[in-house]
Structures are given as structure tokens and as C-alpha cells.
Protein backbone atom coordinates (compact mmCIF):
# COMPACT_ATOMS: atom_id res chain seq x y z
CA MET A 1 107.21 74.97 94.81
CA ARG A 2 107.63 78.57 93.73
CA PRO A 3 104.71 79.86 95.85
CA VAL A 4 106.28 78.26 98.92
CA PHE A 5 109.62 80.02 98.45
CA THR A 6 107.93 83.29 97.52
CA ALA A 7 105.72 83.10 100.62
CA ALA A 8 108.75 82.39 102.83
CA PHE A 9 110.69 85.28 101.28
CA LEU A 10 107.77 87.67 101.76
CA MET A 11 107.38 86.37 105.31
CA VAL A 12 110.95 87.50 106.03
CA LEU A 13 110.39 90.88 104.39
CA ALA A 14 107.18 91.40 106.35
CA ARG A 15 109.09 90.49 109.51
CA LEU A 16 106.64 87.80 110.53
CA GLY A 17 108.34 85.87 113.32
CA SER A 18 107.05 82.39 112.60
CA LEU A 19 105.10 80.14 110.30
CA HIS A 20 102.29 80.35 112.84
CA ALA A 21 102.13 84.14 112.33
CA LEU A 22 102.01 83.55 108.59
CA GLU A 23 99.14 81.09 109.01
CA GLN A 24 97.17 83.62 111.09
CA ASP A 25 97.60 86.23 108.35
CA LYS A 26 96.44 83.85 105.62
CA GLY A 27 93.20 85.73 104.87
CA ASN A 28 95.01 88.99 104.06
CA PRO A 29 94.60 89.95 100.37
CA PHE A 30 98.28 90.97 100.33
CA TRP A 31 99.31 87.32 99.98
CA HIS A 32 96.93 86.56 97.13
CA ARG A 33 98.05 89.64 95.18
CA ARG A 34 101.73 88.76 95.56
CA LEU A 35 101.48 85.01 95.02
CA GLU A 36 98.62 85.09 92.49
CA ARG A 37 97.16 82.04 94.25
CA PRO A 38 96.18 81.06 97.79
CA LEU A 39 98.92 81.13 100.39
CA PRO A 40 100.38 77.68 101.11
CA GLY A 41 99.75 76.48 104.65
CA ALA A 42 102.38 76.69 107.37
CA ASP A 43 102.67 72.89 107.40
CA THR A 44 103.41 72.82 103.67
CA ILE A 45 106.05 75.52 103.93
CA GLY A 46 107.66 73.77 106.90
CA ARG A 47 107.74 70.41 105.06
CA VAL A 48 109.32 71.93 101.96
CA PHE A 49 112.08 73.61 103.93
CA ALA A 50 112.68 70.50 106.04
CA TRP A 51 112.99 68.47 102.82
CA ARG A 52 115.35 71.01 101.22
CA LYS A 53 117.60 70.97 104.29
CA GLY A 54 118.03 67.18 104.35
């Protein structure tokens, strides 16, 4: 779950407005360098945060 929270945190820092914007930027090497693994998909990030909220 750590990559999901890290990706969401970096998404906020990068001022990406939505999970869709994050998904479109998925091929950028920035994400792989920071996460040290492939970026989780927008659906995965959304599911994790929906689960954490409930």
C-alpha cells in the first residue's frame, strides 16, 4: 500500500488535478524513480482511498 500513498502524495505536490491526470502521466520516468516500481493505476489508488475512508 505504500506506493499508493506515495503516489497520491506526489500527485498533490505535482499539482495534478485528478487521478485521470495521474494516469495520463504514467509513462513519465519521474514516477518510477520516486516509487522504485511502476505507478499504481488510477483505479487502484481510488479503491484504496475509498476503502480507507469507509
